[in-house]
Amino acid sequence: MKSRLVLAMLTAVLVFAGLYAVAQTQDEASVCRLTIVYANYRFAPGLTTDWGFSCFIEGHERSILFDTGRSAPLLQSSLHQLNVDTSSIDCVVLSHNHSGPVGGLPALISPEDSLDVYHPASFALSSGGTATRQWVTYNAVSAPQQICSNVWTTGELGALTRTVFAEIFGDDYVEAVLGWSIEIPTP
């Protein structure tokens, strides 16, 4: 008999928790704020729902957008309504190759600002390493990689070839943002 374990996206957790999830380290001055920008579920009045997910992560050395949702105009509108300036986004982490996480990327590409994009190596934005095109540096991730202090991607997860993003706050505290629900068959 097969049983399945389904890991739900962080979206569902934060929808029920409210607009924002704020995680604090033991040092009260250091605050990490995760803001759901784009989701399948209505999480803030006035925002439009659509297929996909995007989470803005701030409070570290770099401001990070995890996934970009399916629609560039909708992402741009949501960022504006949530008072997130696109020029404040230092990098984007894409969880997997599908329109849900990558469709909004064009809203962030601008000649005024450079942008780092981290993506699974199986997603051919760059040919196995790093490539720079039109103000964007694409970084293929196949193994765990540090984005900045206390922020890592897991790299591709075996045959699943999905990138999972994790924030590490200390020896015994880990917070993860997942961009894809996965099924793991168990014997």
C-alpha atoms as a PDB file:
ATOM      1  CA  MET A   1       0.000   0.000   0.000  1.00  0.00           C
ATOM      2  CA  LYS A   2       1.346   3.379  -0.982  1.00  0.00           C
ATOM      3  CA  SER A   3       0.886   6.351   1.225  1.00  0.00           C
ATOM      4  CA  ARG A   4       1.608   9.868   0.048  1.00  0.00           C
ATOM      5  CA  LEU A   5       3.035  12.771   1.951  1.00  0.00           C
ATOM      6  CA  VAL A   6       2.122  16.115   0.453  1.00  0.00           C
ATOM      7  CA  LEU A   7       4.213  19.133   1.393  1.00  0.00           C
ATOM      8  CA  ALA A   8       1.998  22.231   0.991  1.00  0.00           C
ATOM      9  CA  MET A   9       3.391  25.517  -0.203  1.00  0.00           C
ATOM     10  CA  LEU A  10       4.099  28.160   2.385  1.00  0.00           C
ATOM     11  CA  THR A  11       1.224  30.034   0.820  1.00  0.00           C
ATOM     12  CA  ALA A  12      -1.389  27.923   2.571  1.00  0.00           C
ATOM     13  CA  VAL A  13       0.236  28.371   5.960  1.00  0.00           C
ATOM     14  CA  LEU A  14       0.508  32.113   5.604  1.00  0.00           C
ATOM     15  CA  VAL A  15      -3.013  32.511   4.227  1.00  0.00           C
ATOM     16  CA  PHE A  16      -4.424  31.139   7.454  1.00  0.00           C
ATOM     17  CA  ALA A  17      -1.869  32.959   9.591  1.00  0.00           C
ATOM     18  CA  GLY A  18      -2.622  36.350   8.061  1.00  0.00           C
ATOM     19  CA  LEU A  19      -0.986  38.801   5.734  1.00  0.00           C
ATOM     20  CA  TYR A  20       2.560  38.529   7.003  1.00  0.00           C
ATOM     21  CA  ALA A  21       4.712  36.001   8.722  1.00  0.00           C
ATOM     22  CA  VAL A  22       7.434  37.556  10.806  1.00  0.00           C
ATOM     23  CA  ALA A  23      10.213  35.408  12.162  1.00  0.00           C
ATOM     24  CA  GLN A  24      12.578  36.846  14.748  1.00  0.00           C
ATOM     25  CA  THR A  25      15.927  35.546  15.841  1.00  0.00           C
ATOM     26  CA  GLN A  26      16.951  35.658  19.468  1.00  0.00           C
ATOM     27  CA  ASP A  27      18.425  39.085  18.694  1.00  0.00           C
ATOM     28  CA  GLU A  28      15.276  41.252  18.660  1.00  0.00           C
ATOM     29  CA  ALA A  29      16.952  43.793  16.355  1.00  0.00           C
ATOM     30  CA  SER A  30      17.204  41.205  13.601  1.00  0.00           C
ATOM     31  CA  VAL A  31      13.828  40.621  11.978  1.00  0.00           C
ATOM     32  CA  CYS A  32      13.036  38.677   8.847  1.00  0.00           C
ATOM     33  CA  ARG A  33       9.755  39.527   7.147  1.00  0.00           C
ATOM     34  CA  LEU A  34       8.100  37.262   4.591  1.00  0.00           C
ATOM     35  CA  THR A  35       5.336  38.885   2.548  1.00  0.00           C
ATOM     36  CA  ILE A  36       3.141  36.804   0.271  1.00  0.00           C
ATOM     37  CA  VAL A  37       2.894  38.848  -2.914  1.00  0.00           C
ATOM     38  CA  TYR A  38       1.118  36.457  -5.256  1.00  0.00           C
ATOM     39  CA  ALA A  39      -0.962  33.363  -4.556  1.00  0.00           C
ATOM     40  CA  ASN A  40      -3.892  31.182  -5.575  1.00  0.00           C
ATOM     41  CA  TYR A  41      -5.757  32.299  -2.456  1.00  0.00           C
ATOM     42  CA  ARG A  42      -6.939  35.772  -1.436  1.00  0.00           C
ATOM     43  CA  PHE A  43      -4.640  36.800   1.382  1.00  0.00           C
ATOM     44  CA  ALA A  44      -5.082  40.586   1.374  1.00  0.00           C
ATOM     45  CA  PRO A  45      -8.001  42.842   0.469  1.00  0.00           C
ATOM     46  CA  GLY A  46      -7.704  44.382  -2.984  1.00  0.00           C
ATOM     47  CA  LEU A  47      -5.178  41.908  -4.366  1.00  0.00           C
ATOM     48  CA  THR A  48      -6.072  39.641  -7.258  1.00  0.00           C
ATOM     49  CA  THR A  49      -5.591  35.886  -7.003  1.00  0.00           C
ATOM     50  CA  ASP A  50      -4.054  33.833  -9.785  1.00  0.00           C
ATOM     51  CA  TRP A  51      -2.252  30.565 -10.334  1.00  0.00           C
ATOM     52  CA  GLY A  52       1.261  30.779  -8.942  1.00  0.00           C
ATOM     53  CA  PHE A  53       3.150  31.973  -5.916  1.00  0.00           C
ATOM     54  CA  SER A  54       5.574  34.701  -4.908  1.00  0.00           C
ATOM     55  CA  CYS A  55       7.042  35.623  -1.530  1.00  0.00           C
ATOM     56  CA  PHE A  56       9.140  38.732  -0.763  1.00  0.00           C
ATOM     57  CA  ILE A  57      11.797  38.087   1.892  1.00  0.00           C
ATOM     58  CA  GLU A  58      13.523  40.990   3.578  1.00  0.00           C
ATOM     59  CA  GLY A  59      15.680  41.449   6.650  1.00  0.00           C
ATOM     60  CA  HIS A  60      18.884  39.835   5.441  1.00  0.00           C
ATOM     61  CA  GLU A  61      21.816  41.251   3.465  1.00  0.00           C
ATOM     62  CA  ARG A  62      19.726  40.941   0.306  1.00  0.00           C
ATOM     63  CA  SER A  63      16.032  41.337  -0.443  1.00  0.00           C
ATOM     64  CA  ILE A  64      14.812  38.199  -2.179  1.00  0.00           C
ATOM     65  CA  LEU A  65      11.746  37.381  -4.235  1.00  0.00           C
ATOM     66  CA  PHE A  66      11.003  33.661  -4.154  1.00  0.00           C
ATOM     67  CA  ASP A  67       9.103  32.784  -7.358  1.00  0.00           C
ATOM     68  CA  THR A  68       7.297  35.437  -9.392  1.00  0.00           C
ATOM     69  CA  GLY A  69       3.796  34.131 -10.049  1.00  0.00           C
ATOM     70  CA  ARG A  70       2.344  33.536 -13.509  1.00  0.00           C
ATOM     71  CA  SER A  71       1.629  37.106 -14.671  1.00  0.00           C
ATOM     72  CA  ALA A  72       4.105  39.988 -14.878  1.00  0.00           C
ATOM     73  CA  PRO A  73       1.383  42.706 -14.785  1.00  0.00           C
ATOM     74  CA  LEU A  74      -0.297  41.056 -11.791  1.00  0.00           C
ATOM     75  CA  LEU A  75       3.030  40.678  -9.952  1.00  0.00           C
ATOM     76  CA  GLN A  76       3.842  44.326 -10.606  1.00  0.00           C
ATOM     77  CA  SER A  77       0.392  45.404  -9.371  1.00  0.00           C
ATOM     78  CA  SER A  78       0.656  43.295  -6.200  1.00  0.00           C
ATOM     79  CA  LEU A  79       4.160  44.564  -5.418  1.00  0.00           C
ATOM     80  CA  HIS A  80       2.914  48.137  -5.827  1.00  0.00           C
ATOM     81  CA  GLN A  81      -0.134  47.565  -3.591  1.00  0.00           C
ATOM     82  CA  LEU A  82       2.081  46.006  -0.915  1.00  0.00           C
ATOM     83  CA  ASN A  83       4.558  48.925  -1.148  1.00  0.00           C
ATOM     84  CA  VAL A  84       7.419  46.775  -2.424  1.00  0.00           C
ATOM     85  CA  ASP A  85       9.611  48.749  -4.833  1.00  0.00           C
ATOM     86  CA  THR A  86      10.895  46.434  -7.580  1.00  0.00           C
ATOM     87  CA  SER A  87      14.272  48.186  -7.454  1.00  0.00           C
ATOM     88  CA  SER A  88      14.639  46.959  -3.845  1.00  0.00           C
ATOM     89  CA  ILE A  89      14.636  43.316  -4.999  1.00  0.00           C
ATOM     90  CA  ASP A  90      18.240  42.117  -5.122  1.00  0.00           C
ATOM     91  CA  CYS A  91      17.639  38.599  -6.363  1.00  0.00           C
ATOM     92  CA  VAL A  92      15.006  36.098  -7.409  1.00  0.00           C
ATOM     93  CA  VAL A  93      14.944  32.395  -6.553  1.00  0.00           C
ATOM     94  CA  LEU A  94      12.888  30.269  -8.952  1.00  0.00           C
ATOM     95  CA  SER A  95      11.671  26.966  -7.558  1.00  0.00           C
ATOM     96  CA  HIS A  96      11.053  25.117 -10.815  1.00  0.00           C
ATOM     97  CA  ASN A  97      10.439  25.481 -14.542  1.00  0.00           C
ATOM     98  CA  HIS A  98       6.744  26.234 -14.872  1.00  0.00           C
ATOM     99  CA  SER A  99       4.698  29.354 -15.625  1.00  0.00           C
ATOM    100  CA  GLY A 100       3.504  29.597 -11.990  1.00  0.00           C
ATOM    101  CA  PRO A 101       6.907  30.552 -10.562  1.00  0.00           C
ATOM    102  CA  VAL A 102       8.523  32.271 -13.572  1.00  0.00           C
ATOM    103  CA  GLY A 103       5.822  34.167 -15.511  1.00  0.00           C
ATOM    104  CA  GLY A 104       6.255  37.383 -13.527  1.00  0.00           C
ATOM    105  CA  LEU A 105      10.017  37.621 -14.112  1.00  0.00           C
ATOM    106  CA  PRO A 106       9.729  40.186 -16.972  1.00  0.00           C
ATOM    107  CA  ALA A 107       8.190  42.686 -14.506  1.00  0.00           C
ATOM    108  CA  LEU A 108      11.514  42.757 -12.639  1.00  0.00           C
ATOM    109  CA  ILE A 109      13.947  43.161 -15.547  1.00  0.00           C
ATOM    110  CA  SER A 110      15.040  46.763 -15.967  1.00  0.00           C
ATOM    111  CA  PRO A 111      18.076  48.510 -17.474  1.00  0.00           C
ATOM    112  CA  GLU A 112      18.265  50.633 -14.305  1.00  0.00           C
ATOM    113  CA  ASP A 113      18.761  47.677 -11.966  1.00  0.00           C
ATOM    114  CA  SER A 114      20.783  44.483 -12.167  1.00  0.00           C
ATOM    115  CA  LEU A 115      19.156  41.305 -10.906  1.00  0.00           C
ATOM    116  CA  ASP A 116      20.513  37.917  -9.832  1.00  0.00           C
ATOM    117  CA  VAL A 117      18.257  34.952 -10.611  1.00  0.00           C
ATOM    118  CA  TYR A 118      18.870  31.543  -9.007  1.00  0.00           C
ATOM    119  CA  HIS A 119      17.184  28.613 -10.737  1.00  0.00           C
ATOM    120  CA  PRO A 120      17.398  24.807 -10.840  1.00  0.00           C
ATOM    121  CA  ALA A 121      20.175  23.663 -13.170  1.00  0.00           C
ATOM    122  CA  SER A 122      17.627  21.524 -15.041  1.00  0.00           C
ATOM    123  CA  PHE A 123      15.824  24.742 -15.972  1.00  0.00           C
ATOM    124  CA  ALA A 124      17.886  25.988 -18.925  1.00  0.00           C
ATOM    125  CA  LEU A 125      18.106  29.731 -18.186  1.00  0.00           C
ATOM    126  CA  SER A 126      21.872  29.385 -18.149  1.00  0.00           C
ATOM    127  CA  SER A 127      23.937  26.571 -19.559  1.00  0.00           C
ATOM    128  CA  GLY A 128      25.038  24.882 -16.365  1.00  0.00           C
ATOM    129  CA  GLY A 129      26.802  27.800 -14.720  1.00  0.00           C
ATOM    130  CA  THR A 130      26.267  31.527 -14.758  1.00  0.00           C
ATOM    131  CA  ALA A 131      25.086  33.615 -17.700  1.00  0.00           C
ATOM    132  CA  THR A 132      24.376  37.329 -17.925  1.00  0.00           C
ATOM    133  CA  ARG A 133      21.777  38.657 -20.347  1.00  0.00           C
ATOM    134  CA  GLN A 134      19.921  41.972 -20.362  1.00  0.00           C
ATOM    135  CA  TRP A 135      20.821  43.171 -16.856  1.00  0.00           C
ATOM    136  CA  VAL A 136      20.140  39.718 -15.362  1.00  0.00           C
ATOM    137  CA  THR A 137      22.688  37.226 -14.053  1.00  0.00           C
ATOM    138  CA  TYR A 138      21.273  33.700 -14.179  1.00  0.00           C
ATOM    139  CA  ASN A 139      22.782  31.235 -11.687  1.00  0.00           C
ATOM    140  CA  ALA A 140      22.130  27.518 -12.199  1.00  0.00           C
ATOM    141  CA  VAL A 141      21.781  25.725  -8.851  1.00  0.00           C
ATOM    142  CA  SER A 142      22.274  21.962  -8.610  1.00  0.00           C
ATOM    143  CA  ALA A 143      23.597  21.678  -5.041  1.00  0.00           C
ATOM    144  CA  PRO A 144      23.048  23.717  -1.879  1.00  0.00           C
ATOM    145  CA  GLN A 145      24.188  27.271  -2.488  1.00  0.00           C
ATOM    146  CA  GLN A 146      24.435  30.256  -0.192  1.00  0.00           C
ATOM    147  CA  ILE A 147      22.643  33.369  -1.455  1.00  0.00           C
ATOM    148  CA  CYS A 148      23.701  35.562   1.463  1.00  0.00           C
ATOM    149  CA  SER A 149      24.324  35.194   5.184  1.00  0.00           C
ATOM    150  CA  ASN A 150      21.848  32.643   6.632  1.00  0.00           C
ATOM    151  CA  VAL A 151      20.022  32.167   3.311  1.00  0.00           C
ATOM    152  CA  TRP A 152      20.476  29.078   1.141  1.00  0.00           C
ATOM    153  CA  THR A 153      18.837  27.125  -1.633  1.00  0.00           C
ATOM    154  CA  THR A 154      18.826  23.364  -1.277  1.00  0.00           C
ATOM    155  CA  GLY A 155      19.625  22.831  -4.920  1.00  0.00           C
ATOM    156  CA  GLU A 156      17.804  20.242  -6.952  1.00  0.00           C
ATOM    157  CA  LEU A 157      16.217  17.525  -4.875  1.00  0.00           C
ATOM    158  CA  GLY A 158      17.153  14.343  -6.720  1.00  0.00           C
ATOM    159  CA  ALA A 159      14.715  13.202  -9.372  1.00  0.00           C
ATOM    160  CA  LEU A 160      12.265  15.888  -8.290  1.00  0.00           C
ATOM    161  CA  THR A 161      14.539  18.610  -9.741  1.00  0.00           C
ATOM    162  CA  ARG A 162      12.850  21.293  -7.685  1.00  0.00           C
ATOM    163  CA  THR A 163      14.692  24.019  -5.839  1.00  0.00           C
ATOM    164  CA  VAL A 164      13.596  24.633  -2.271  1.00  0.00           C
ATOM    165  CA  PHE A 165      14.633  27.828  -0.527  1.00  0.00           C
ATOM    166  CA  ALA A 166      15.522  27.818   3.173  1.00  0.00           C
ATOM    167  CA  GLU A 167      16.423  30.468   5.706  1.00  0.00           C
ATOM    168  CA  ILE A 168      18.547  29.353   8.622  1.00  0.00           C
ATOM    169  CA  PHE A 169      18.303  31.442  11.792  1.00  0.00           C
ATOM    170  CA  GLY A 170      20.533  29.474  14.133  1.00  0.00           C
ATOM    171  CA  ASP A 171      21.675  26.056  15.224  1.00  0.00           C
ATOM    172  CA  ASP A 172      18.173  24.816  16.003  1.00  0.00           C
ATOM    173  CA  TYR A 173      15.834  27.016  13.940  1.00  0.00           C
ATOM    174  CA  VAL A 174      15.130  26.630  10.225  1.00  0.00           C
ATOM    175  CA  GLU A 175      12.438  28.260   8.149  1.00  0.00           C
ATOM    176  CA  ALA A 176      11.768  27.021   4.611  1.00  0.00           C
ATOM    177  CA  VAL A 177       9.842  28.507   1.717  1.00  0.00           C
ATOM    178  CA  LEU A 178       8.624  25.865  -0.723  1.00  0.00           C
ATOM    179  CA  GLY A 179       7.611  26.725  -4.241  1.00  0.00           C
ATOM    180  CA  TRP A 180       5.977  23.467  -5.195  1.00  0.00           C
ATOM    181  CA  SER A 181       3.823  20.876  -3.505  1.00  0.00           C
ATOM    182  CA  ILE A 182       5.385  17.489  -4.017  1.00  0.00           C
ATOM    183  CA  GLU A 183       4.239  13.950  -3.489  1.00  0.00           C
ATOM    184  CA  ILE A 184       6.700  11.543  -1.975  1.00  0.00           C
ATOM    185  CA  PRO A 185       5.653   7.912  -2.370  1.00  0.00           C
ATOM    186  CA  THR A 186       6.498   5.671   0.560  1.00  0.00           C
ATOM    187  CA  PRO A 187       6.639   1.860   0.405  1.00  0.00           C
END
